[in-house]
Amino acid sequence: MEAAQNLVGQINHLLWGAPLIALLLGTGIYLTLGLALMPIRRLGYGFRMLWQGRHSSEAGQISPFNALMTALSSTIGTGNIAGVATAIAIGGPGALFWMWCTALVGMSTKYAEAVLAVKFREVDERGQYVGGPMYYIKNGLSAKWKWLGTAFAIFGALAGFGLANTVQSNSVANVLNDTFSIPVELTAVVITILVAAVILGGIERIAQVAGKLVPFMAISYITAGLLVLATHLPQIPGAILLIVDSAFSGHAATGGFSGAAIALAIRQGVARGIFSNEAGLGSAPIAHAAAKTNDPVRQGVIAMLGTFIDTICVCTITGLAIVVTGVWSSGINGAPLTSMAFGLGIPGGEYLVSCGLAIFAFTTMLGWCVYGERCAEFLFGVKAILPFRILWITAIPLGAIAQLDLVWALADMLNALMAIPNLIALILLSPLVFRLTKEYFGRN
């Protein structure tokens, strides 16, 4: 087991090194420039479309609003609580600045993914709309690229069992045990029943639950974070200056913090930012392909809000709370660091973080079930859907009680392998994205 973990760790070091980070950032920058900064300029328009998209009678399975909530259900998760804390604990406060940069160009990546997902989606034999990278590779590129779509589907179907199933159930079980002394076995049973009750109803039920739970949990967490910041108002200007300065100068060792160079701040900020908002991984467009819409661009401007909400809003709240309270240099890492910051800011803040982490992880299991299911359907047809759901449900209690160091590493590896085919497709199909965008805003 140790040898396997070392091997996967070496592969991850290679996959998540400078080349992939450069490819992710480079693709985002290229799309942002090709779109003439449209995602940033049209941010307000995107929110108007989101509000109007609460109801739709156009072709598709779920409302445009619920499509975004389904996508957010998988991105707003442990990355927003534990991931941000880890980035700052290892890379210093400057890592948060690089997370912001990743999000700003990632909005263009997420926009392009959704545009292509709706443009090249299909209707399966059940009459449901299906799409995502595997479909826009298959239908948007020539036949010689079909293998790339198959590769994405294989990696996507497997990645969910690590990233969003066993790892998430394990996180919920451990945080509830540590905070409230709830037995791990009890959590395993309850969360398995809850997830099964939702996912067996298909994407419509998942979207309905996400449409109610995601806004509630996001607003609650942001409100709690703002209360923490309100108790440390005088420290906020200094914290922002520290974040920006550390981004370009690194940060020397202080307290329990071992110090970090600029390169480490960039690597942590970019890697954790992508892990949190998933821009470029190709996961979110699978949800957006099911939206009730007749226009790819309109869904694209809604989709790009996912990156903004996840990173610019939620991750910023976490990061600022950690910096203004001064706990970033304590030597503590992960979710306990965020809990410490919230606990110092408001009474019972650590309990709010624990509950938030549990709810975030639960919705991540729902959203990623959709992604894995669609990948399995692409590979084996609709007959694979029910077996996939059963496997998904079965894996939840196993993950809750297991030691998952190797699974974490495998999930990171599969995420990288998902991103590569998707980014290649985005670059090859970018002229179409640019043309559709220009035509749409020429009319609107």
Protein backbone atom coordinates (compact mmCIF):
# COMPACT_ATOMS: atom_id res chain seq x y z
CA MET A 1 0.00 0.00 0.00
CA GLU A 2 2.80 2.40 0.86
CA ALA A 3 4.57 1.64 -2.41
CA ALA A 4 1.36 2.32 -4.36
CA GLN A 5 0.84 5.60 -2.52
CA ASN A 6 4.42 6.67 -3.25
CA LEU A 7 3.96 5.83 -6.95
CA VAL A 8 0.69 7.77 -7.22
CA GLY A 9 2.31 10.65 -5.32
CA GLN A 10 5.12 10.80 -7.86
CA ILE A 11 2.64 10.75 -10.74
CA ASN A 12 0.66 13.56 -9.11
CA HIS A 13 3.79 15.63 -8.64
CA LEU A 14 4.38 15.29 -12.37
CA LEU A 15 0.75 15.84 -13.43
CA TRP A 16 0.11 18.79 -11.12
CA GLY A 17 3.46 20.40 -11.84
CA ALA A 18 4.20 23.49 -13.88
CA PRO A 19 3.05 22.08 -17.29
CA LEU A 20 -0.56 21.37 -16.25
CA ILE A 21 -0.85 24.54 -14.19
CA ALA A 22 0.47 26.48 -17.20
CA LEU A 23 -2.03 24.69 -19.47
CA LEU A 24 -4.95 25.48 -17.14
CA LEU A 25 -3.98 29.10 -16.65
CA GLY A 26 -2.89 29.52 -20.26
CA THR A 27 -6.19 28.20 -21.58
CA GLY A 28 -8.09 30.56 -19.26
CA ILE A 29 -6.01 33.55 -20.31
CA TYR A 30 -6.34 32.67 -24.01
CA LEU A 31 -10.13 32.34 -23.74
CA THR A 32 -10.40 35.54 -21.68
CA LEU A 33 -8.50 37.51 -24.30
CA GLY A 34 -10.35 35.83 -27.17
CA LEU A 35 -13.64 36.81 -25.53
CA ALA A 36 -12.37 40.39 -25.04
CA LEU A 37 -12.84 40.09 -21.24
CA MET A 38 -16.54 39.38 -21.75
CA PRO A 39 -17.02 37.28 -18.56
CA ILE A 40 -15.72 40.15 -16.44
CA ARG A 41 -17.52 42.88 -18.39
CA ARG A 42 -20.81 40.94 -18.46
CA LEU A 43 -20.85 39.73 -14.86
CA GLY A 44 -23.96 41.75 -14.04
CA TYR A 45 -25.68 40.42 -17.16
CA GLY A 46 -24.91 36.89 -16.02
CA PHE A 47 -26.66 37.48 -12.69
CA ARG A 48 -29.71 38.89 -14.52
CA MET A 49 -29.86 35.77 -16.69
CA LEU A 50 -29.52 33.61 -13.58
CA TRP A 51 -32.50 35.34 -11.96
CA GLN A 52 -34.57 35.01 -15.11
CA GLY A 53 -33.48 31.39 -15.39
CA ARG A 54 -35.36 30.25 -12.31
CA HIS A 55 -38.12 29.13 -14.66
CA SER A 56 -37.92 28.06 -18.28
CA SER A 57 -40.10 26.19 -20.77
CA GLU A 58 -37.33 25.67 -23.30
CA ALA A 59 -35.76 22.31 -24.21
CA GLY A 60 -33.98 20.48 -21.39
CA GLN A 61 -34.50 18.73 -18.03
CA ILE A 62 -33.80 21.33 -15.34
CA SER A 63 -34.05 25.11 -15.08
CA PRO A 64 -30.95 27.17 -15.91
CA PHE A 65 -30.89 28.29 -12.28
CA ASN A 66 -30.95 24.71 -10.97
CA ALA A 67 -28.29 23.71 -13.49
CA LEU A 68 -25.94 26.23 -11.86
CA MET A 69 -26.98 25.09 -8.38
CA THR A 70 -26.24 21.48 -9.36
CA ALA A 71 -22.80 22.53 -10.61
CA LEU A 72 -22.20 24.59 -7.45
CA SER A 73 -23.27 21.64 -5.30
CA SER A 74 -20.13 19.84 -6.45
CA THR A 75 -17.74 22.80 -6.36
CA ILE A 76 -18.72 24.43 -3.07
CA GLY A 77 -17.29 21.83 -0.72
CA THR A 78 -14.25 20.87 1.28
CA GLY A 79 -12.08 22.92 -1.09
CA ASN A 80 -13.71 26.13 0.18
CA ILE A 81 -13.00 25.28 3.83
CA ALA A 82 -10.07 22.86 4.00
CA GLY A 83 -8.54 23.68 0.60
CA VAL A 84 -8.21 27.43 1.17
CA ALA A 85 -6.78 26.84 4.63
CA THR A 86 -4.23 24.39 3.25
CA ALA A 87 -3.18 26.80 0.49
CA ILE A 88 -2.55 29.60 3.00
CA ALA A 89 -0.92 27.31 5.58
CA ILE A 90 1.59 26.06 2.98
CA GLY A 91 1.91 28.95 0.52
CA GLY A 92 1.29 31.87 2.84
CA PRO A 93 -1.37 34.62 2.55
CA GLY A 94 -0.26 35.32 -1.03
CA ALA A 95 -1.82 32.04 -2.14
CA LEU A 96 -5.26 33.68 -1.82
CA PHE A 97 -4.26 36.33 -4.37
CA TRP A 98 -3.36 33.64 -6.89
CA MET A 99 -6.66 31.91 -6.21
CA TRP A 100 -8.37 35.14 -7.22
CA CYS A 101 -6.36 35.31 -10.45
CA THR A 102 -7.19 31.69 -11.23
CA ALA A 103 -10.89 32.42 -10.74
CA LEU A 104 -10.93 35.50 -12.96
CA VAL A 105 -9.55 33.61 -15.96
CA GLY A 106 -11.41 30.45 -14.90
CA MET A 107 -14.69 32.25 -15.52
CA SER A 108 -13.88 32.22 -19.24
CA THR A 109 -13.00 28.53 -19.10
CA LYS A 110 -16.27 27.65 -17.36
CA TYR A 111 -18.20 29.83 -19.83
CA ALA A 112 -16.66 28.07 -22.84
CA GLU A 113 -17.33 24.64 -21.31
CA ALA A 114 -21.03 25.37 -20.85
CA VAL A 115 -21.44 26.94 -24.31
CA LEU A 116 -20.01 23.83 -25.94
CA ALA A 117 -21.94 21.48 -23.64
CA VAL A 118 -25.29 22.97 -24.71
CA LYS A 119 -24.25 23.35 -28.35
CA PHE A 120 -23.27 19.69 -28.77
CA ARG A 121 -25.58 17.95 -26.29
CA GLU A 122 -27.64 14.94 -27.30
CA VAL A 123 -30.99 13.42 -26.36
CA ASP A 124 -30.59 9.86 -25.08
CA GLU A 125 -33.05 7.00 -25.50
CA ARG A 126 -34.86 8.07 -22.31
CA GLY A 127 -35.53 11.47 -23.85
CA GLN A 128 -33.09 13.26 -21.51
CA TYR A 129 -30.51 15.83 -22.59
CA VAL A 130 -26.93 14.70 -21.99
CA GLY A 131 -23.70 16.52 -22.67
CA GLY A 132 -20.28 17.52 -21.44
CA PRO A 133 -16.69 17.27 -22.68
CA MET A 134 -17.09 13.73 -23.99
CA TYR A 135 -19.98 14.89 -26.19
CA TYR A 136 -18.44 18.11 -27.46
CA ILE A 137 -15.31 16.18 -28.29
CA LYS A 138 -17.35 13.53 -30.11
CA ASN A 139 -19.71 15.93 -31.93
CA GLY A 140 -17.58 19.04 -32.24
CA LEU A 141 -14.29 17.54 -33.39
CA SER A 142 -13.54 15.05 -36.15
CA ALA A 143 -13.84 11.29 -35.64
CA LYS A 144 -10.12 10.95 -34.99
CA TRP A 145 -10.60 12.75 -31.66
CA LYS A 146 -13.35 10.45 -30.34
CA TRP A 147 -10.82 8.50 -28.26
CA LEU A 148 -10.19 11.70 -26.32
CA GLY A 149 -13.83 11.85 -25.29
CA THR A 150 -13.72 8.21 -24.23
CA ALA A 151 -10.63 8.91 -22.14
CA PHE A 152 -12.37 11.82 -20.41
CA ALA A 153 -15.42 9.65 -19.66
CA ILE A 154 -13.29 6.90 -18.13
CA PHE A 155 -11.40 9.31 -15.90
CA GLY A 156 -14.60 11.17 -14.97
CA ALA A 157 -16.52 8.02 -14.02
CA LEU A 158 -13.68 6.87 -11.75
CA ALA A 159 -12.70 10.26 -10.30
CA GLY A 160 -16.02 10.79 -8.56
CA PHE A 161 -15.60 7.74 -6.34
CA GLY A 162 -12.51 9.33 -4.86
CA LEU A 163 -13.01 13.08 -5.02
CA ALA A 164 -16.73 13.24 -4.30
CA ASN A 165 -17.81 9.97 -2.74
CA THR A 166 -15.50 8.17 -0.33
CA VAL A 167 -13.39 11.23 0.50
CA GLN A 168 -16.48 13.37 1.15
CA SER A 169 -18.26 10.77 3.31
CA ASN A 170 -15.03 10.29 5.27
CA SER A 171 -14.76 14.06 5.82
CA VAL A 172 -18.36 14.28 7.08
CA ALA A 173 -17.96 11.30 9.42
CA ASN A 174 -14.71 12.60 10.90
CA VAL A 175 -15.78 16.21 11.37
CA LEU A 176 -19.06 15.22 13.08
CA ASN A 177 -17.20 12.76 15.29
CA ASP A 178 -14.54 15.30 16.25
CA THR A 179 -16.98 18.16 16.87
CA PHE A 180 -20.12 16.49 18.22
CA SER A 181 -18.83 12.97 19.14
CA ILE A 182 -21.29 11.37 16.71
CA PRO A 183 -20.18 7.78 15.98
CA VAL A 184 -18.65 7.35 12.53
CA GLU A 185 -20.82 4.30 11.87
CA LEU A 186 -24.02 6.25 12.56
CA THR A 187 -22.98 9.04 10.21
CA ALA A 188 -22.16 6.45 7.54
CA VAL A 189 -25.65 4.95 7.72
CA VAL A 190 -27.51 8.28 7.79
CA ILE A 191 -25.60 9.92 4.95
CA THR A 192 -25.94 6.80 2.79
CA ILE A 193 -29.71 6.83 3.24
CA LEU A 194 -29.95 10.57 2.50
CA VAL A 195 -27.83 10.39 -0.64
CA ALA A 196 -29.68 7.31 -1.90
CA ALA A 197 -33.06 9.02 -1.39
CA VAL A 198 -31.95 11.89 -3.61
CA ILE A 199 -29.88 10.31 -6.39
CA LEU A 200 -32.33 7.47 -7.10
CA GLY A 201 -34.71 10.20 -8.29
CA GLY A 202 -32.29 11.19 -11.06
CA ILE A 203 -30.99 14.60 -12.08
CA GLU A 204 -34.38 16.28 -11.66
CA ARG A 205 -34.52 15.44 -7.93
CA ILE A 206 -30.83 16.24 -7.45
CA ALA A 207 -31.39 19.62 -9.12
CA GLN A 208 -34.42 20.33 -6.92
CA VAL A 209 -32.47 19.57 -3.74
CA ALA A 210 -29.46 21.55 -4.96
CA GLY A 211 -31.67 24.48 -5.93
CA LYS A 212 -32.81 24.81 -2.32
CA LEU A 213 -29.82 23.59 -0.30
CA VAL A 214 -26.94 25.27 -2.18
CA PRO A 215 -28.23 28.88 -1.88
CA PHE A 216 -29.06 28.29 1.78
CA MET A 217 -25.68 26.83 2.69
CA ALA A 218 -23.70 29.37 0.66
CA ILE A 219 -25.54 32.38 2.11
CA SER A 220 -25.28 30.96 5.65
CA TYR A 221 -21.54 30.38 5.35
CA ILE A 222 -20.87 33.78 3.79
CA THR A 223 -22.97 35.48 6.49
CA ALA A 224 -21.01 33.73 9.24
CA GLY A 225 -17.76 34.72 7.54
CA LEU A 226 -18.85 38.34 7.26
CA LEU A 227 -19.60 38.35 10.99
CA VAL A 228 -16.07 37.13 11.64
CA LEU A 229 -14.71 39.93 9.46
CA ALA A 230 -16.97 42.47 11.16
CA THR A 231 -15.34 41.63 14.50
CA HIS A 232 -11.93 42.31 12.94
CA LEU A 233 -12.68 45.39 10.80
CA PRO A 234 -9.49 47.28 11.72
CA GLN A 235 -7.39 44.30 10.55
CA ILE A 236 -8.94 43.98 7.09
CA PRO A 237 -6.89 46.66 5.23
CA GLY A 238 -3.66 45.24 6.64
CA ALA A 239 -4.74 41.71 5.73
CA ILE A 240 -5.39 42.68 2.11
CA LEU A 241 -2.00 44.41 1.89
CA LEU A 242 -0.37 41.30 3.37
CA ILE A 243 -2.09 39.06 0.81
CA VAL A 244 -0.97 41.17 -2.15
CA ASP A 245 2.56 41.70 -0.83
CA SER A 246 3.03 37.99 -0.08
CA ALA A 247 1.84 37.10 -3.58
CA PHE A 248 4.84 38.88 -5.11
CA SER A 249 7.46 38.58 -2.39
CA GLY A 250 6.72 35.29 -0.66
CA HIS A 251 6.67 35.23 3.12
CA ALA A 252 9.35 34.55 5.68
CA ALA A 253 8.90 32.08 8.52
CA THR A 254 6.82 33.43 11.40
CA GLY A 255 5.11 31.74 14.32
CA GLY A 256 4.32 28.19 13.28
CA PHE A 257 4.56 29.08 9.59
CA SER A 258 7.68 27.66 7.95
CA GLY A 259 7.95 30.30 5.22
CA ALA A 260 7.08 30.20 1.52
CA ALA A 261 8.64 31.44 -1.70
CA ILE A 262 6.65 33.16 -4.45
CA ALA A 263 6.59 29.95 -6.53
CA LEU A 264 5.01 28.00 -3.67
CA ALA A 265 2.35 30.68 -3.16
CA ILE A 266 1.51 30.56 -6.88
CA ARG A 267 1.43 26.76 -7.01
CA GLN A 268 -0.78 26.45 -3.93
CA GLY A 269 -3.10 29.25 -4.99
CA VAL A 270 -3.59 27.96 -8.53
CA ALA A 271 -3.87 24.27 -7.61
CA ARG A 272 -6.29 24.82 -4.71
CA GLY A 273 -8.27 27.38 -6.70
CA ILE A 274 -8.80 24.89 -9.50
CA PHE A 275 -9.60 22.12 -7.02
CA SER A 276 -12.27 24.36 -5.52
CA ASN A 277 -13.97 25.84 -8.60
CA GLU A 278 -13.14 22.99 -11.06
CA ALA A 279 -12.71 25.41 -13.99
CA GLY A 280 -11.08 23.38 -16.74
CA LEU A 281 -11.79 19.95 -15.26
CA GLY A 282 -14.88 19.53 -17.45
CA SER A 283 -17.25 18.52 -14.66
CA ALA A 284 -19.68 21.46 -14.47
CA PRO A 285 -20.67 21.46 -18.17
CA ILE A 286 -22.21 18.02 -17.65
CA ALA A 287 -24.81 19.66 -15.40
CA HIS A 288 -25.30 22.69 -17.64
CA ALA A 289 -25.99 20.45 -20.65
CA ALA A 290 -29.30 19.47 -19.03
CA ALA A 291 -30.50 23.09 -18.67
CA LYS A 292 -33.79 24.18 -20.21
CA THR A 293 -32.37 26.57 -22.76
CA ASN A 294 -32.24 27.03 -26.51
CA ASP A 295 -29.17 29.26 -26.46
CA PRO A 296 -25.69 27.99 -25.52
CA VAL A 297 -24.33 31.47 -24.79
CA ARG A 298 -27.13 32.34 -22.38
CA GLN A 299 -26.34 29.24 -20.34
CA GLY A 300 -22.65 30.02 -20.62
CA VAL A 301 -22.99 33.40 -18.90
CA ILE A 302 -24.90 31.66 -16.10
CA ALA A 303 -22.27 28.93 -15.83
CA MET A 304 -19.39 31.37 -15.46
CA LEU A 305 -20.99 32.67 -12.26
CA GLY A 306 -20.13 29.35 -10.62
CA THR A 307 -16.44 30.19 -10.58
CA PHE A 308 -17.11 33.71 -9.32
CA ILE A 309 -19.38 32.55 -6.50
CA ASP A 310 -17.18 29.64 -5.47
CA THR A 311 -13.80 31.38 -5.39
CA ILE A 312 -14.26 35.16 -5.40
CA CYS A 313 -17.05 34.97 -2.83
CA VAL A 314 -16.85 31.82 -0.68
CA CYS A 315 -13.09 31.15 -0.79
CA THR A 316 -12.35 34.83 -0.15
CA ILE A 317 -14.48 34.77 2.99
CA THR A 318 -12.55 31.75 4.28
CA GLY A 319 -9.16 33.18 3.36
CA LEU A 320 -9.76 36.64 4.82
CA ALA A 321 -11.11 35.14 8.06
CA ILE A 322 -7.92 33.10 8.42
CA VAL A 323 -5.66 36.09 7.74
CA VAL A 324 -7.45 38.78 9.80
CA THR A 325 -7.62 36.55 12.87
CA GLY A 326 -3.90 35.85 12.56
CA VAL A 327 -4.26 32.05 12.79
CA TRP A 328 -2.64 31.50 9.38
CA SER A 329 0.80 31.36 11.02
CA SER A 330 -0.25 28.98 13.81
CA GLY A 331 1.13 25.88 12.11
CA ILE A 332 -2.32 24.29 11.93
CA ASN A 333 -3.57 23.10 8.53
CA GLY A 334 -6.80 22.21 6.72
CA ALA A 335 -10.33 22.49 8.12
CA PRO A 336 -9.16 22.88 11.77
CA LEU A 337 -7.47 26.14 10.72
CA THR A 338 -10.74 27.52 9.35
CA SER A 339 -12.58 26.34 12.47
CA MET A 340 -10.05 28.17 14.65
CA ALA A 341 -10.52 31.40 12.68
CA PHE A 342 -14.32 31.29 12.85
CA GLY A 343 -14.20 30.29 16.53
CA LEU A 344 -12.11 33.37 17.33
CA GLY A 345 -14.46 35.60 15.35
CA ILE A 346 -17.88 34.56 16.61
CA PRO A 347 -19.15 32.39 19.49
CA GLY A 348 -19.64 28.84 18.29
CA GLY A 349 -17.99 29.61 14.96
CA GLU A 350 -16.16 26.29 14.96
CA TYR A 351 -19.49 24.47 15.09
CA LEU A 352 -20.78 26.45 12.12
CA VAL A 353 -17.72 25.41 10.13
CA SER A 354 -18.24 21.76 11.04
CA CYS A 355 -21.90 21.86 10.00
CA GLY A 356 -21.02 23.75 6.83
CA LEU A 357 -18.36 21.21 5.92
CA ALA A 358 -20.85 18.37 6.42
CA ILE A 359 -23.50 20.00 4.21
CA PHE A 360 -20.97 21.01 1.55
CA ALA A 361 -19.65 17.45 1.39
CA PHE A 362 -23.18 16.03 1.16
CA THR A 363 -24.11 18.20 -1.82
CA THR A 364 -20.78 17.40 -3.49
CA MET A 365 -21.74 13.72 -3.39
CA LEU A 366 -25.01 14.58 -5.14
CA GLY A 367 -23.52 16.75 -7.87
CA TRP A 368 -20.67 14.41 -8.72
CA CYS A 369 -23.04 11.45 -8.94
CA VAL A 370 -24.59 13.21 -11.94
CA TYR A 371 -21.16 13.66 -13.52
CA GLY A 372 -20.07 10.08 -13.01
CA GLU A 373 -23.42 8.74 -14.17
CA ARG A 374 -23.26 10.71 -17.41
CA CYS A 375 -19.72 9.48 -18.05
CA ALA A 376 -20.82 5.88 -17.47
CA GLU A 377 -23.78 6.38 -19.84
CA PHE A 378 -21.46 7.72 -22.54
CA LEU A 379 -19.29 4.60 -22.23
CA PHE A 380 -21.92 1.89 -21.81
CA GLY A 381 -25.34 3.37 -22.59
CA VAL A 382 -28.35 3.97 -20.35
CA LYS A 383 -28.16 0.42 -19.01
CA ALA A 384 -25.17 1.55 -16.92
CA ILE A 385 -27.11 4.20 -14.98
CA LEU A 386 -28.76 2.05 -12.29
CA PRO A 387 -25.64 -0.09 -11.62
CA PHE A 388 -23.60 3.11 -11.31
CA ARG A 389 -26.03 4.57 -8.77
CA ILE A 390 -25.94 1.36 -6.73
CA LEU A 391 -22.13 1.36 -6.74
CA TRP A 392 -22.16 5.03 -5.74
CA ILE A 393 -24.43 4.37 -2.77
CA THR A 394 -22.45 1.29 -1.73
CA ALA A 395 -19.16 3.19 -1.67
CA ILE A 396 -20.40 5.88 0.72
CA PRO A 397 -20.33 3.88 4.01
CA LEU A 398 -17.06 2.23 3.01
CA GLY A 399 -15.47 5.63 2.56
CA ALA A 400 -16.82 6.91 5.87
CA ILE A 401 -15.00 4.30 7.93
CA ALA A 402 -11.83 3.78 5.82
CA GLN A 403 -8.36 5.35 5.76
CA LEU A 404 -8.24 7.22 2.48
CA ASP A 405 -4.75 8.61 1.96
CA LEU A 406 -4.33 6.59 -1.25
CA VAL A 407 -7.84 7.47 -2.43
CA TRP A 408 -7.08 11.20 -2.01
CA ALA A 409 -3.97 10.77 -4.14
CA LEU A 410 -5.82 8.77 -6.81
CA ALA A 411 -8.56 11.41 -6.96
CA ASP A 412 -5.99 14.14 -7.57
CA MET A 413 -4.44 12.05 -10.34
CA LEU A 414 -7.77 11.37 -12.05
CA ASN A 415 -8.72 15.08 -11.84
CA ALA A 416 -5.59 15.99 -13.74
CA LEU A 417 -6.28 13.28 -16.32
CA MET A 418 -9.82 14.68 -16.77
CA ALA A 419 -8.53 18.19 -17.34
CA ILE A 420 -6.10 17.37 -20.14
CA PRO A 421 -8.64 16.07 -22.74
CA ASN A 422 -11.06 18.85 -21.82
CA LEU A 423 -8.50 21.63 -22.22
CA ILE A 424 -7.38 20.27 -25.58
CA ALA A 425 -11.00 20.32 -26.78
CA LEU A 426 -11.58 23.86 -25.48
CA ILE A 427 -8.56 25.16 -27.39
CA LEU A 428 -9.54 23.37 -30.62
CA LEU A 429 -13.17 24.53 -30.40
CA SER A 430 -12.42 28.06 -29.17
CA PRO A 431 -13.05 29.73 -32.59
CA LEU A 432 -16.63 28.43 -32.42
CA VAL A 433 -17.05 29.80 -28.88
CA PHE A 434 -15.76 33.20 -29.97
CA ARG A 435 -18.10 33.26 -32.99
CA LEU A 436 -21.21 32.23 -31.04
CA THR A 437 -20.43 34.84 -28.39
CA LYS A 438 -19.99 37.62 -30.93
CA GLU A 439 -23.25 36.70 -32.69
CA TYR A 440 -25.21 36.51 -29.43
CA PHE A 441 -24.10 39.87 -28.05
CA GLY A 442 -24.56 41.38 -31.49
CA ARG A 443 -28.25 40.56 -31.08
CA ASN A 444 -28.58 41.35 -27.35
